[in-house]
């Protein structure tokens, strides 16, 4: 039987520029703030296999820094400071799991956009990897259906 008390202090949230990822950040802030924890916001630049993993990617890095700044601003409005980090990896899913292990987080919260017209939700390979390999809780925050309640 699982623990009936959801105690999440330290969380990791992937920021990818979607509204769902910022909603996931807000949820992480609520959970971590309540338990006096830390929120790690990560933006992952996926590097093509044809390039060196540490290749300089100025446009992608600038975009990532901007997304993290938005996340930090959103958290600040909730009176909370997040720790933002830009990562470069071959696969975002692997980077997210590795970062979660390194930081010993209690949960990973992933924002997932609802885009399927037939009421189906298709998770990308990175989300599936995180769900399958993360050693901690994984919370999916799906955006509301357009025109639906919420």
N, C-alpha and C. Protein backbone atom coordinates (compact mmCIF):
# COMPACT_ATOMS: atom_id res chain seq x y z
N UNK A 1 0.86 -1.18 0.00
CA UNK A 1 0.00 0.00 0.00
C UNK A 1 0.90 1.23 0.00
N UNK A 2 0.60 2.20 -0.85
CA UNK A 2 1.40 3.41 -0.97
C UNK A 2 1.19 4.36 0.20
N UNK A 3 2.08 5.28 0.30
CA UNK A 3 2.00 6.31 1.32
C UNK A 3 0.80 7.22 1.02
N UNK A 4 -0.09 7.39 1.98
CA UNK A 4 -1.28 8.20 1.73
C UNK A 4 -0.96 9.69 1.79
N UNK A 5 0.17 10.04 2.34
CA UNK A 5 0.59 11.44 2.44
C UNK A 5 1.48 11.76 1.24
N UNK A 6 1.07 12.68 0.40
CA UNK A 6 1.90 13.07 -0.74
C UNK A 6 2.88 14.13 -0.26
N UNK A 7 4.08 13.68 0.05
CA UNK A 7 5.09 14.60 0.55
C UNK A 7 6.14 14.81 -0.54
N UNK A 8 6.03 15.92 -1.22
CA UNK A 8 6.97 16.25 -2.28
C UNK A 8 7.67 17.54 -1.88
N UNK A 9 8.97 17.45 -1.68
CA UNK A 9 9.74 18.66 -1.32
C UNK A 9 10.47 19.19 -2.55
N UNK A 10 11.31 18.35 -3.11
CA UNK A 10 12.15 18.79 -4.22
C UNK A 10 11.64 18.22 -5.53
N UNK A 11 11.41 19.12 -6.48
CA UNK A 11 10.86 18.70 -7.77
C UNK A 11 11.71 19.20 -8.92
N UNK A 12 11.61 18.49 -10.02
CA UNK A 12 12.28 18.90 -11.25
C UNK A 12 11.20 19.06 -12.31
N UNK A 13 11.24 20.17 -13.03
CA UNK A 13 10.25 20.46 -14.06
C UNK A 13 10.98 20.76 -15.36
N UNK A 14 10.56 20.11 -16.44
CA UNK A 14 11.11 20.44 -17.75
C UNK A 14 10.36 21.64 -18.29
N UNK A 15 11.11 22.68 -18.62
CA UNK A 15 10.54 23.87 -19.23
C UNK A 15 10.82 23.76 -20.73
N UNK A 16 9.77 23.85 -21.53
CA UNK A 16 9.97 23.72 -22.98
C UNK A 16 9.27 24.81 -23.78
N UNK A 17 8.77 25.81 -23.08
CA UNK A 17 8.12 26.92 -23.78
C UNK A 17 6.63 26.78 -23.93
N UNK A 18 6.09 25.61 -23.58
CA UNK A 18 4.64 25.43 -23.71
C UNK A 18 3.94 25.96 -22.46
N UNK A 19 2.67 26.29 -22.62
CA UNK A 19 1.87 26.73 -21.47
C UNK A 19 1.79 25.59 -20.45
N UNK A 20 1.72 24.35 -20.92
CA UNK A 20 1.63 23.20 -20.01
C UNK A 20 2.87 23.10 -19.12
N UNK A 21 4.04 23.44 -19.66
CA UNK A 21 5.26 23.35 -18.84
C UNK A 21 5.26 24.43 -17.76
N UNK A 22 4.69 25.60 -18.07
CA UNK A 22 4.61 26.65 -17.05
C UNK A 22 3.54 26.32 -16.00
N UNK A 23 2.47 25.65 -16.42
CA UNK A 23 1.47 25.17 -15.46
C UNK A 23 2.09 24.11 -14.54
N UNK A 24 2.91 23.23 -15.13
CA UNK A 24 3.60 22.21 -14.34
C UNK A 24 4.54 22.86 -13.33
N UNK A 25 5.17 23.96 -13.74
CA UNK A 25 6.05 24.70 -12.84
C UNK A 25 5.26 25.26 -11.66
N UNK A 26 4.08 25.82 -11.94
CA UNK A 26 3.24 26.36 -10.87
C UNK A 26 2.84 25.27 -9.88
N UNK A 27 2.53 24.08 -10.38
CA UNK A 27 2.20 22.96 -9.51
C UNK A 27 3.42 22.58 -8.66
N UNK A 28 4.58 22.52 -9.29
CA UNK A 28 5.81 22.19 -8.56
C UNK A 28 6.08 23.20 -7.45
N UNK A 29 5.86 24.48 -7.76
CA UNK A 29 6.06 25.54 -6.76
C UNK A 29 5.10 25.32 -5.58
N UNK A 30 3.84 25.04 -5.87
CA UNK A 30 2.86 24.81 -4.79
C UNK A 30 3.28 23.65 -3.89
N UNK A 31 3.68 22.54 -4.51
CA UNK A 31 4.07 21.36 -3.73
C UNK A 31 5.34 21.62 -2.92
N UNK A 32 6.33 22.21 -3.57
CA UNK A 32 7.62 22.42 -2.91
C UNK A 32 7.56 23.53 -1.86
N UNK A 33 6.78 24.56 -2.14
CA UNK A 33 6.66 25.69 -1.20
C UNK A 33 6.03 25.20 0.10
N UNK A 34 4.98 24.39 -0.04
CA UNK A 34 4.26 23.86 1.12
C UNK A 34 5.20 23.05 2.01
N UNK A 35 6.15 22.34 1.40
CA UNK A 35 7.06 21.46 2.14
C UNK A 35 8.47 22.04 2.28
N UNK A 36 8.61 23.36 2.01
CA UNK A 36 9.90 24.05 2.13
C UNK A 36 10.99 23.36 1.33
N UNK A 37 10.67 23.06 0.09
CA UNK A 37 11.61 22.36 -0.79
C UNK A 37 12.16 23.26 -1.88
N UNK A 38 12.70 22.63 -2.90
CA UNK A 38 13.34 23.32 -4.02
C UNK A 38 12.72 22.85 -5.34
N UNK A 39 12.59 23.78 -6.28
CA UNK A 39 12.14 23.44 -7.62
C UNK A 39 13.30 23.69 -8.58
N UNK A 40 13.65 22.66 -9.34
CA UNK A 40 14.68 22.77 -10.36
C UNK A 40 13.98 22.82 -11.71
N UNK A 41 14.11 23.94 -12.41
CA UNK A 41 13.54 24.08 -13.75
C UNK A 41 14.67 23.82 -14.74
N UNK A 42 14.46 22.88 -15.65
CA UNK A 42 15.50 22.57 -16.63
C UNK A 42 14.96 22.75 -18.04
N UNK A 43 15.82 23.29 -18.87
CA UNK A 43 15.54 23.40 -20.31
C UNK A 43 16.60 22.55 -20.98
N UNK A 44 16.17 21.60 -21.81
CA UNK A 44 17.12 20.68 -22.44
C UNK A 44 17.25 21.00 -23.93
N UNK A 45 18.48 21.27 -24.33
CA UNK A 45 18.79 21.43 -25.76
C UNK A 45 19.20 20.05 -26.25
N UNK A 46 18.43 19.52 -27.20
CA UNK A 46 18.78 18.23 -27.76
C UNK A 46 19.77 18.44 -28.90
N UNK A 47 20.95 17.82 -28.76
CA UNK A 47 22.04 17.98 -29.71
C UNK A 47 22.02 16.82 -30.70
N UNK A 48 22.03 17.14 -31.97
CA UNK A 48 22.03 16.11 -33.01
C UNK A 48 23.25 15.21 -32.87
N UNK A 49 23.07 13.93 -33.20
CA UNK A 49 24.16 12.96 -33.06
C UNK A 49 25.33 13.27 -33.99
N UNK A 50 25.09 14.09 -35.01
CA UNK A 50 26.15 14.45 -35.93
C UNK A 50 27.05 15.56 -35.38
N UNK A 51 26.67 16.12 -34.24
CA UNK A 51 27.44 17.21 -33.62
C UNK A 51 28.05 16.74 -32.31
N UNK A 52 29.09 17.44 -31.89
CA UNK A 52 29.68 17.17 -30.57
C UNK A 52 28.66 17.54 -29.51
N UNK A 53 28.62 16.76 -28.44
CA UNK A 53 27.63 17.00 -27.38
C UNK A 53 27.78 18.37 -26.75
N UNK A 54 29.02 18.87 -26.68
CA UNK A 54 29.27 20.19 -26.08
C UNK A 54 29.37 21.30 -27.13
N UNK A 55 28.80 21.05 -28.32
CA UNK A 55 28.86 22.04 -29.40
C UNK A 55 28.23 23.36 -28.95
N UNK A 56 28.79 24.46 -29.44
CA UNK A 56 28.22 25.78 -29.16
C UNK A 56 26.97 25.93 -30.02
N UNK A 57 25.84 26.19 -29.38
CA UNK A 57 24.58 26.36 -30.09
C UNK A 57 23.93 27.65 -29.63
N UNK A 58 24.47 28.80 -30.06
CA UNK A 58 24.00 30.09 -29.55
C UNK A 58 22.49 30.34 -29.69
N UNK A 59 21.86 30.07 -30.84
CA UNK A 59 20.41 30.35 -30.93
C UNK A 59 19.60 29.50 -29.94
N UNK A 60 19.94 28.21 -29.85
CA UNK A 60 19.23 27.30 -28.95
C UNK A 60 19.48 27.69 -27.49
N UNK A 61 20.72 28.07 -27.18
CA UNK A 61 21.05 28.48 -25.81
C UNK A 61 20.31 29.76 -25.44
N UNK A 62 20.23 30.70 -26.37
CA UNK A 62 19.50 31.95 -26.11
C UNK A 62 18.03 31.67 -25.87
N UNK A 63 17.45 30.77 -26.67
CA UNK A 63 16.04 30.40 -26.48
C UNK A 63 15.85 29.74 -25.12
N UNK A 64 16.75 28.85 -24.77
CA UNK A 64 16.67 28.15 -23.48
C UNK A 64 16.77 29.12 -22.31
N UNK A 65 17.70 30.06 -22.41
CA UNK A 65 17.87 31.05 -21.34
C UNK A 65 16.60 31.90 -21.19
N UNK A 66 15.98 32.24 -22.32
CA UNK A 66 14.74 33.02 -22.30
C UNK A 66 13.61 32.23 -21.63
N UNK A 67 13.50 30.93 -21.97
CA UNK A 67 12.46 30.08 -21.36
C UNK A 67 12.68 29.96 -19.86
N UNK A 68 13.93 29.80 -19.44
CA UNK A 68 14.22 29.70 -18.01
C UNK A 68 13.94 31.02 -17.30
N UNK A 69 14.22 32.13 -17.97
CA UNK A 69 13.93 33.44 -17.38
C UNK A 69 12.42 33.59 -17.17
N UNK A 70 11.64 33.16 -18.15
CA UNK A 70 10.18 33.20 -18.01
C UNK A 70 9.71 32.33 -16.84
N UNK A 71 10.33 31.17 -16.71
CA UNK A 71 9.97 30.26 -15.61
C UNK A 71 10.31 30.90 -14.27
N UNK A 72 11.49 31.51 -14.19
CA UNK A 72 11.90 32.17 -12.95
C UNK A 72 10.97 33.34 -12.62
N UNK A 73 10.57 34.09 -13.64
CA UNK A 73 9.64 35.20 -13.43
C UNK A 73 8.28 34.69 -12.94
N UNK A 74 7.80 33.59 -13.55
CA UNK A 74 6.51 33.02 -13.15
C UNK A 74 6.56 32.55 -11.70
N UNK A 75 7.67 31.93 -11.31
CA UNK A 75 7.81 31.47 -9.93
C UNK A 75 7.90 32.64 -8.96
N UNK A 76 8.58 33.70 -9.40
CA UNK A 76 8.72 34.89 -8.55
C UNK A 76 7.35 35.50 -8.24
N UNK A 77 6.44 35.45 -9.22
CA UNK A 77 5.08 35.96 -9.01
C UNK A 77 4.35 35.13 -7.96
N UNK A 78 4.79 33.89 -7.77
CA UNK A 78 4.21 33.02 -6.74
C UNK A 78 5.03 33.09 -5.45
N UNK A 79 5.92 34.09 -5.39
CA UNK A 79 6.77 34.32 -4.22
C UNK A 79 7.66 33.11 -3.92
N UNK A 80 8.31 32.61 -4.98
CA UNK A 80 9.17 31.44 -4.85
C UNK A 80 10.33 31.58 -5.81
N UNK A 81 11.50 31.13 -5.40
CA UNK A 81 12.68 31.18 -6.27
C UNK A 81 12.98 29.77 -6.77
N UNK A 82 13.06 29.63 -8.09
CA UNK A 82 13.41 28.34 -8.67
C UNK A 82 14.87 28.36 -9.11
N UNK A 83 15.43 27.19 -9.22
CA UNK A 83 16.79 27.05 -9.69
C UNK A 83 16.72 26.59 -11.15
N UNK A 84 17.10 27.47 -12.08
CA UNK A 84 17.02 27.14 -13.50
C UNK A 84 18.35 26.64 -14.04
N UNK A 85 18.28 25.66 -14.93
CA UNK A 85 19.49 25.13 -15.51
C UNK A 85 19.27 24.74 -16.97
N UNK A 86 20.26 25.10 -17.79
CA UNK A 86 20.27 24.78 -19.21
C UNK A 86 21.12 23.52 -19.39
N UNK A 87 20.55 22.48 -20.02
CA UNK A 87 21.27 21.23 -20.23
C UNK A 87 21.40 20.96 -21.72
N UNK A 88 22.49 20.32 -22.11
CA UNK A 88 22.64 19.84 -23.49
C UNK A 88 22.76 18.34 -23.42
N UNK A 89 21.97 17.65 -24.25
CA UNK A 89 21.97 16.18 -24.23
C UNK A 89 21.51 15.65 -25.58
N UNK A 90 21.76 14.39 -25.82
CA UNK A 90 21.26 13.74 -27.04
C UNK A 90 19.74 13.56 -26.96
N UNK A 91 19.27 13.20 -25.77
CA UNK A 91 17.84 12.95 -25.56
C UNK A 91 17.40 13.65 -24.28
N UNK A 92 16.34 14.43 -24.37
CA UNK A 92 15.85 15.17 -23.22
C UNK A 92 15.41 14.23 -22.10
N UNK A 93 14.77 13.12 -22.44
CA UNK A 93 14.30 12.18 -21.42
C UNK A 93 15.43 11.67 -20.55
N UNK A 94 16.54 11.27 -21.18
CA UNK A 94 17.70 10.78 -20.43
C UNK A 94 18.25 11.89 -19.53
N UNK A 95 18.34 13.10 -20.07
CA UNK A 95 18.89 14.23 -19.30
C UNK A 95 18.02 14.54 -18.09
N UNK A 96 16.71 14.47 -18.26
CA UNK A 96 15.78 14.75 -17.16
C UNK A 96 15.93 13.71 -16.05
N UNK A 97 15.98 12.45 -16.43
CA UNK A 97 16.13 11.38 -15.43
C UNK A 97 17.48 11.50 -14.73
N UNK A 98 18.56 11.74 -15.49
CA UNK A 98 19.89 11.88 -14.89
C UNK A 98 19.93 13.04 -13.91
N UNK A 99 19.32 14.16 -14.29
CA UNK A 99 19.30 15.35 -13.43
C UNK A 99 18.48 15.07 -12.17
N UNK A 100 17.38 14.35 -12.31
CA UNK A 100 16.53 14.00 -11.16
C UNK A 100 17.31 13.13 -10.17
N UNK A 101 18.08 12.19 -10.71
CA UNK A 101 18.90 11.31 -9.85
C UNK A 101 19.98 12.13 -9.15
N UNK A 102 20.66 12.97 -9.92
CA UNK A 102 21.75 13.78 -9.37
C UNK A 102 21.26 14.70 -8.26
N UNK A 103 20.06 15.24 -8.42
CA UNK A 103 19.52 16.19 -7.44
C UNK A 103 18.64 15.54 -6.37
N UNK A 104 18.48 14.21 -6.47
CA UNK A 104 17.67 13.45 -5.50
C UNK A 104 16.29 14.06 -5.29
N UNK A 105 15.60 14.35 -6.39
CA UNK A 105 14.28 14.96 -6.28
C UNK A 105 13.23 13.91 -5.90
N UNK A 106 12.14 14.40 -5.32
CA UNK A 106 11.03 13.53 -4.94
C UNK A 106 10.08 13.28 -6.10
N UNK A 107 10.06 14.22 -7.06
CA UNK A 107 9.14 14.09 -8.19
C UNK A 107 9.64 14.87 -9.39
N UNK A 108 9.28 14.37 -10.55
CA UNK A 108 9.46 15.07 -11.82
C UNK A 108 8.06 15.43 -12.28
N UNK A 109 7.86 16.68 -12.65
CA UNK A 109 6.55 17.10 -13.15
C UNK A 109 6.73 17.53 -14.61
N UNK A 110 6.00 16.86 -15.49
CA UNK A 110 6.09 17.15 -16.93
C UNK A 110 4.78 17.75 -17.41
N UNK A 111 4.87 18.88 -18.08
CA UNK A 111 3.71 19.47 -18.73
C UNK A 111 3.52 18.82 -20.08
N UNK A 112 2.30 18.41 -20.36
CA UNK A 112 1.99 17.72 -21.62
C UNK A 112 0.85 18.46 -22.29
N UNK A 113 1.04 18.86 -23.54
CA UNK A 113 -0.04 19.54 -24.27
C UNK A 113 -1.03 18.52 -24.81
N UNK A 114 -2.29 18.88 -24.75
CA UNK A 114 -3.36 18.05 -25.31
C UNK A 114 -3.63 18.57 -26.71
N UNK A 115 -3.19 17.83 -27.69
CA UNK A 115 -3.33 18.31 -29.07
C UNK A 115 -4.09 17.34 -29.96
N UNK A 116 -4.40 16.17 -29.45
CA UNK A 116 -5.03 15.17 -30.29
C UNK A 116 -6.52 15.46 -30.45
N UNK A 117 -7.03 15.51 -31.69
CA UNK A 117 -8.43 15.87 -31.91
C UNK A 117 -9.42 14.76 -31.54
N UNK A 118 -8.98 13.53 -31.43
CA UNK A 118 -9.90 12.43 -31.20
C UNK A 118 -9.93 11.98 -29.74
N UNK A 119 -9.47 12.83 -28.85
CA UNK A 119 -9.51 12.46 -27.44
C UNK A 119 -8.42 11.50 -27.03
N UNK A 120 -7.36 11.44 -27.82
CA UNK A 120 -6.23 10.58 -27.48
C UNK A 120 -5.06 11.46 -27.08
N UNK A 121 -4.26 10.95 -26.20
CA UNK A 121 -3.09 11.68 -25.77
C UNK A 121 -1.87 10.86 -26.16
N UNK A 122 -1.03 11.44 -26.96
CA UNK A 122 0.16 10.74 -27.39
C UNK A 122 1.37 11.36 -26.71
N UNK A 123 2.08 10.57 -25.94
CA UNK A 123 3.27 11.07 -25.26
C UNK A 123 4.48 10.90 -26.17
N UNK A 124 5.37 11.90 -26.15
CA UNK A 124 6.56 11.77 -26.96
C UNK A 124 7.55 10.80 -26.29
N UNK A 125 8.59 10.45 -27.02
CA UNK A 125 9.56 9.47 -26.53
C UNK A 125 10.22 9.92 -25.23
N UNK A 126 10.43 11.22 -25.08
CA UNK A 126 11.08 11.71 -23.86
C UNK A 126 10.18 11.51 -22.64
N UNK A 127 8.90 11.82 -22.77
CA UNK A 127 7.97 11.63 -21.65
C UNK A 127 7.87 10.15 -21.30
N UNK A 128 7.80 9.30 -22.31
CA UNK A 128 7.73 7.86 -22.07
C UNK A 128 8.99 7.36 -21.37
N UNK A 129 10.14 7.89 -21.77
CA UNK A 129 11.40 7.49 -21.14
C UNK A 129 11.39 7.88 -19.66
N UNK A 130 10.96 9.10 -19.37
CA UNK A 130 10.91 9.57 -17.98
C UNK A 130 9.95 8.70 -17.17
N UNK A 131 8.77 8.43 -17.70
CA UNK A 131 7.79 7.59 -17.00
C UNK A 131 8.35 6.19 -16.71
N UNK A 132 9.13 5.66 -17.63
CA UNK A 132 9.66 4.31 -17.50
C UNK A 132 10.89 4.23 -16.61
N UNK A 133 11.75 5.25 -16.63
CA UNK A 133 13.06 5.14 -15.98
C UNK A 133 13.28 6.01 -14.75
N UNK A 134 12.42 6.95 -14.46
CA UNK A 134 12.65 7.82 -13.31
C UNK A 134 12.52 7.03 -12.01
N UNK A 135 13.45 7.24 -11.07
CA UNK A 135 13.39 6.52 -9.80
C UNK A 135 12.42 7.15 -8.79
N UNK A 136 11.87 8.30 -9.15
CA UNK A 136 10.99 9.04 -8.24
C UNK A 136 9.58 9.08 -8.85
N UNK A 137 8.68 9.79 -8.15
CA UNK A 137 7.34 9.99 -8.69
C UNK A 137 7.44 10.81 -9.98
N UNK A 138 6.51 10.53 -10.89
CA UNK A 138 6.39 11.34 -12.11
C UNK A 138 4.95 11.80 -12.18
N UNK A 139 4.78 13.12 -12.30
CA UNK A 139 3.45 13.70 -12.39
C UNK A 139 3.31 14.33 -13.77
N UNK A 140 2.29 13.91 -14.50
CA UNK A 140 2.01 14.53 -15.80
C UNK A 140 0.93 15.59 -15.59
N UNK A 141 1.20 16.78 -16.06
CA UNK A 141 0.22 17.86 -16.01
C UNK A 141 -0.22 18.11 -17.45
N UNK A 142 -1.42 17.65 -17.76
CA UNK A 142 -1.93 17.82 -19.13
C UNK A 142 -2.70 19.11 -19.20
N UNK A 143 -2.47 19.86 -20.27
CA UNK A 143 -3.21 21.10 -20.45
C UNK A 143 -4.69 20.79 -20.70
N UNK A 144 -5.52 21.76 -20.42
CA UNK A 144 -6.96 21.59 -20.60
C UNK A 144 -7.30 21.46 -22.08
N UNK A 145 -8.37 20.77 -22.35
CA UNK A 145 -8.84 20.62 -23.73
C UNK A 145 -9.43 21.96 -24.16
N UNK A 146 -9.06 22.40 -25.36
CA UNK A 146 -9.57 23.67 -25.88
C UNK A 146 -11.10 23.68 -25.82
N UNK A 147 -11.66 24.71 -25.23
CA UNK A 147 -13.10 24.83 -25.16
C UNK A 147 -13.74 24.02 -24.05
N UNK A 148 -12.90 23.22 -23.33
CA UNK A 148 -13.43 22.40 -22.24
C UNK A 148 -13.42 23.16 -20.93
N UNK A 149 -13.92 22.54 -19.91
CA UNK A 149 -13.92 23.16 -18.58
C UNK A 149 -12.49 23.25 -18.07
N UNK A 150 -12.15 24.35 -17.40
CA UNK A 150 -10.83 24.50 -16.79
C UNK A 150 -9.98 25.23 -17.67
